[in-house]
Amino acid sequence: MSEAYFPIQSYKAGDVLFSRGDAAHTFYMIESGEVDLFVPPANTFLVRLGAGEAFGEQAILTGGVRGATAIAVTDMVCIQMTAESLQEIVQSQTSLIRPVLEGLFLQLYLQNSIRSAIPGINL
């Protein structure tokens, strides 16, 4: 994966990566650090994610609206992916790659939906 396709972004502890209701443009893969996802206005905690985990898949699947707020718990580094950058990669590959990636993103979306519905569940 080239940084031209997937830029790397650093965040400081306390930075808001996105807020509930924002347009979803970016999918995040955490290289280091931790992020909390929660739902305002009651600030219902959903999950804490760390290195090797990913979130924000709505940007890839539907280009929809954020259902939660993401705040960096620690300094963190993320690889960021947009629907456009993923599409460029997929189009340069064989047709087998597309259904595999769509399946993986759908699985991540379903897991995160379950985490949202049942806070504290480990999948």
C-alpha atoms as a PDB file:
ATOM      1  CA  MET A   1       0.000   0.000   0.000  1.00  0.00           C
ATOM      2  CA  SER A   2       1.359   3.318  -0.994  1.00  0.00           C
ATOM      3  CA  GLU A   3       1.145   6.414   1.186  1.00  0.00           C
ATOM      4  CA  ALA A   4      -0.092   8.176  -1.970  1.00  0.00           C
ATOM      5  CA  TYR A   5      -3.213   6.009  -1.737  1.00  0.00           C
ATOM      6  CA  PHE A   6      -3.440   5.814   2.045  1.00  0.00           C
ATOM      7  CA  PRO A   7      -1.980   8.801   3.899  1.00  0.00           C
ATOM      8  CA  ILE A   8      -0.759   8.459   7.475  1.00  0.00           C
ATOM      9  CA  GLN A   9      -2.125  10.962   9.996  1.00  0.00           C
ATOM     10  CA  SER A  10      -1.066  11.637  13.587  1.00  0.00           C
ATOM     11  CA  TYR A  11      -3.487  12.729  16.301  1.00  0.00           C
ATOM     12  CA  LYS A  12      -2.896  14.009  19.832  1.00  0.00           C
ATOM     13  CA  ALA A  13      -4.737  12.703  22.885  1.00  0.00           C
ATOM     14  CA  GLY A  14      -8.075  14.512  23.054  1.00  0.00           C
ATOM     15  CA  ASP A  15      -8.332  15.192  19.310  1.00  0.00           C
ATOM     16  CA  VAL A  16     -11.787  14.592  17.826  1.00  0.00           C
ATOM     17  CA  LEU A  17     -11.390  12.499  14.662  1.00  0.00           C
ATOM     18  CA  PHE A  18     -15.070  12.885  13.796  1.00  0.00           C
ATOM     19  CA  SER A  19     -18.395  13.631  15.487  1.00  0.00           C
ATOM     20  CA  ARG A  20     -21.746  11.916  15.310  1.00  0.00           C
ATOM     21  CA  GLY A  21     -23.675  13.336  12.360  1.00  0.00           C
ATOM     22  CA  ASP A  22     -20.578  14.243  10.321  1.00  0.00           C
ATOM     23  CA  ALA A  23     -20.397  13.068   6.719  1.00  0.00           C
ATOM     24  CA  ALA A  24     -18.330   9.862   6.580  1.00  0.00           C
ATOM     25  CA  HIS A  25     -15.369  10.307   4.226  1.00  0.00           C
ATOM     26  CA  THR A  26     -12.509   8.392   5.880  1.00  0.00           C
ATOM     27  CA  PHE A  27     -11.901   4.855   7.137  1.00  0.00           C
ATOM     28  CA  TYR A  28      -9.185   4.601   9.829  1.00  0.00           C
ATOM     29  CA  MET A  29      -6.692   1.805  10.522  1.00  0.00           C
ATOM     30  CA  ILE A  30      -4.855   2.353  13.808  1.00  0.00           C
ATOM     31  CA  GLU A  31      -1.075   1.909  13.670  1.00  0.00           C
ATOM     32  CA  SER A  32      -0.489   3.066  17.251  1.00  0.00           C
ATOM     33  CA  GLY A  33      -2.488   4.583  20.075  1.00  0.00           C
ATOM     34  CA  GLU A  34      -6.119   4.267  21.154  1.00  0.00           C
ATOM     35  CA  VAL A  35      -9.455   5.835  20.263  1.00  0.00           C
ATOM     36  CA  ASP A  36     -12.803   5.818  22.078  1.00  0.00           C
ATOM     37  CA  LEU A  37     -16.086   5.672  20.201  1.00  0.00           C
ATOM     38  CA  PHE A  38     -19.188   6.939  21.938  1.00  0.00           C
ATOM     39  CA  VAL A  39     -22.670   8.253  21.167  1.00  0.00           C
ATOM     40  CA  PRO A  40     -23.657  11.737  22.315  1.00  0.00           C
ATOM     41  CA  PRO A  41     -25.589  13.394  23.863  1.00  0.00           C
ATOM     42  CA  ALA A  42     -25.579  10.865  26.725  1.00  0.00           C
ATOM     43  CA  ASN A  43     -21.956   9.973  25.844  1.00  0.00           C
ATOM     44  CA  THR A  44     -22.777   6.262  25.756  1.00  0.00           C
ATOM     45  CA  PHE A  45     -19.426   4.463  25.528  1.00  0.00           C
ATOM     46  CA  LEU A  46     -19.245   1.964  22.668  1.00  0.00           C
ATOM     47  CA  VAL A  47     -15.688   0.690  22.469  1.00  0.00           C
ATOM     48  CA  ARG A  48     -11.992   1.506  22.866  1.00  0.00           C
ATOM     49  CA  LEU A  49      -9.903   0.475  19.871  1.00  0.00           C
ATOM     50  CA  GLY A  50      -6.137   0.174  19.595  1.00  0.00           C
ATOM     51  CA  ALA A  51      -3.287  -0.735  17.274  1.00  0.00           C
ATOM     52  CA  GLY A  52      -4.285  -3.154  14.531  1.00  0.00           C
ATOM     53  CA  GLU A  53      -7.977  -2.291  14.733  1.00  0.00           C
ATOM     54  CA  ALA A  54     -10.067  -0.239  12.309  1.00  0.00           C
ATOM     55  CA  PHE A  55     -13.161   1.950  12.408  1.00  0.00           C
ATOM     56  CA  GLY A  56     -15.182   4.355  10.301  1.00  0.00           C
ATOM     57  CA  GLU A  57     -16.101   1.782   7.673  1.00  0.00           C
ATOM     58  CA  GLN A  58     -19.289   3.698   6.763  1.00  0.00           C
ATOM     59  CA  ALA A  59     -17.057   5.874   4.581  1.00  0.00           C
ATOM     60  CA  ILE A  60     -16.139   2.881   2.431  1.00  0.00           C
ATOM     61  CA  LEU A  61     -19.487   1.090   2.405  1.00  0.00           C
ATOM     62  CA  THR A  62     -22.010   3.855   1.960  1.00  0.00           C
ATOM     63  CA  GLY A  63     -20.370   7.275   2.219  1.00  0.00           C
ATOM     64  CA  GLY A  64     -22.964   7.829   4.918  1.00  0.00           C
ATOM     65  CA  VAL A  65     -23.166   9.738   8.161  1.00  0.00           C
ATOM     66  CA  ARG A  66     -21.207   9.017  11.342  1.00  0.00           C
ATOM     67  CA  GLY A  67     -23.239   7.247  13.998  1.00  0.00           C
ATOM     68  CA  ALA A  68     -20.759   7.938  16.793  1.00  0.00           C
ATOM     69  CA  THR A  69     -18.026  10.330  17.900  1.00  0.00           C
ATOM     70  CA  ALA A  70     -14.351   9.254  17.870  1.00  0.00           C
ATOM     71  CA  ILE A  71     -11.830  10.851  20.238  1.00  0.00           C
ATOM     72  CA  ALA A  72      -8.148   9.942  20.550  1.00  0.00           C
ATOM     73  CA  VAL A  73      -7.452   8.594  24.043  1.00  0.00           C
ATOM     74  CA  THR A  74      -3.686   8.688  23.520  1.00  0.00           C
ATOM     75  CA  ASP A  75      -1.451  10.117  20.840  1.00  0.00           C
ATOM     76  CA  MET A  76      -2.171   7.954  17.832  1.00  0.00           C
ATOM     77  CA  VAL A  77      -1.177   7.293  14.242  1.00  0.00           C
ATOM     78  CA  CYS A  78      -3.726   6.132  11.669  1.00  0.00           C
ATOM     79  CA  ILE A  79      -3.609   5.044   8.069  1.00  0.00           C
ATOM     80  CA  GLN A  80      -6.546   6.748   6.392  1.00  0.00           C
ATOM     81  CA  MET A  81      -8.515   5.380   3.485  1.00  0.00           C
ATOM     82  CA  THR A  82     -11.214   7.068   1.434  1.00  0.00           C
ATOM     83  CA  ALA A  83     -13.686   5.363  -0.878  1.00  0.00           C
ATOM     84  CA  GLU A  84     -11.882   6.985  -3.800  1.00  0.00           C
ATOM     85  CA  SER A  85      -8.446   5.718  -2.800  1.00  0.00           C
ATOM     86  CA  LEU A  86      -9.759   2.199  -2.233  1.00  0.00           C
ATOM     87  CA  GLN A  87     -11.531   2.279  -5.586  1.00  0.00           C
ATOM     88  CA  GLU A  88      -8.260   3.199  -7.327  1.00  0.00           C
ATOM     89  CA  ILE A  89      -6.528   0.201  -5.756  1.00  0.00           C
ATOM     90  CA  VAL A  90      -9.393  -2.193  -6.464  1.00  0.00           C
ATOM     91  CA  GLN A  91      -9.665  -1.125 -10.097  1.00  0.00           C
ATOM     92  CA  SER A  92      -5.973  -1.803 -10.617  1.00  0.00           C
ATOM     93  CA  GLN A  93      -6.378  -5.382  -9.314  1.00  0.00           C
ATOM     94  CA  THR A  94      -8.174  -8.490 -10.542  1.00  0.00           C
ATOM     95  CA  SER A  95     -11.932  -8.787 -10.231  1.00  0.00           C
ATOM     96  CA  LEU A  96     -11.499 -11.243  -7.331  1.00  0.00           C
ATOM     97  CA  ILE A  97     -10.228  -8.483  -5.020  1.00  0.00           C
ATOM     98  CA  ARG A  98     -13.458  -6.444  -5.125  1.00  0.00           C
ATOM     99  CA  PRO A  99     -15.855  -9.037  -3.598  1.00  0.00           C
ATOM    100  CA  VAL A 100     -13.258 -10.044  -1.009  1.00  0.00           C
ATOM    101  CA  LEU A 101     -12.783  -6.444   0.161  1.00  0.00           C
ATOM    102  CA  GLU A 102     -16.521  -5.745   0.100  1.00  0.00           C
ATOM    103  CA  GLY A 103     -17.084  -8.845   2.236  1.00  0.00           C
ATOM    104  CA  LEU A 104     -14.412  -7.807   4.728  1.00  0.00           C
ATOM    105  CA  PHE A 105     -15.811  -4.281   5.054  1.00  0.00           C
ATOM    106  CA  LEU A 106     -19.332  -5.644   5.460  1.00  0.00           C
ATOM    107  CA  GLN A 107     -18.117  -7.963   8.228  1.00  0.00           C
ATOM    108  CA  LEU A 108     -16.401  -5.038  10.004  1.00  0.00           C
ATOM    109  CA  TYR A 109     -19.554  -2.944   9.613  1.00  0.00           C
ATOM    110  CA  LEU A 110     -21.680  -5.717  11.160  1.00  0.00           C
ATOM    111  CA  GLN A 111     -19.256  -6.215  14.067  1.00  0.00           C
ATOM    112  CA  ASN A 112     -19.219  -2.499  14.823  1.00  0.00           C
ATOM    113  CA  SER A 113     -23.029  -2.382  14.574  1.00  0.00           C
ATOM    114  CA  ILE A 114     -23.267  -5.172  17.151  1.00  0.00           C
ATOM    115  CA  ARG A 115     -20.799  -3.326  19.411  1.00  0.00           C
ATOM    116  CA  SER A 116     -23.001  -0.224  19.103  1.00  0.00           C
ATOM    117  CA  ALA A 117     -26.143  -2.153  20.006  1.00  0.00           C
ATOM    118  CA  ILE A 118     -24.524  -4.092  22.864  1.00  0.00           C
ATOM    119  CA  PRO A 119     -21.836  -1.930  24.530  1.00  0.00           C
ATOM    120  CA  GLY A 120     -19.091  -3.924  26.221  1.00  0.00           C
ATOM    121  CA  ILE A 121     -19.427  -7.015  23.992  1.00  0.00           C
ATOM    122  CA  ASN A 122     -16.149  -8.477  22.711  1.00  0.00           C
ATOM    123  CA  LEU A 123     -16.228  -9.854  19.170  1.00  0.00           C
END
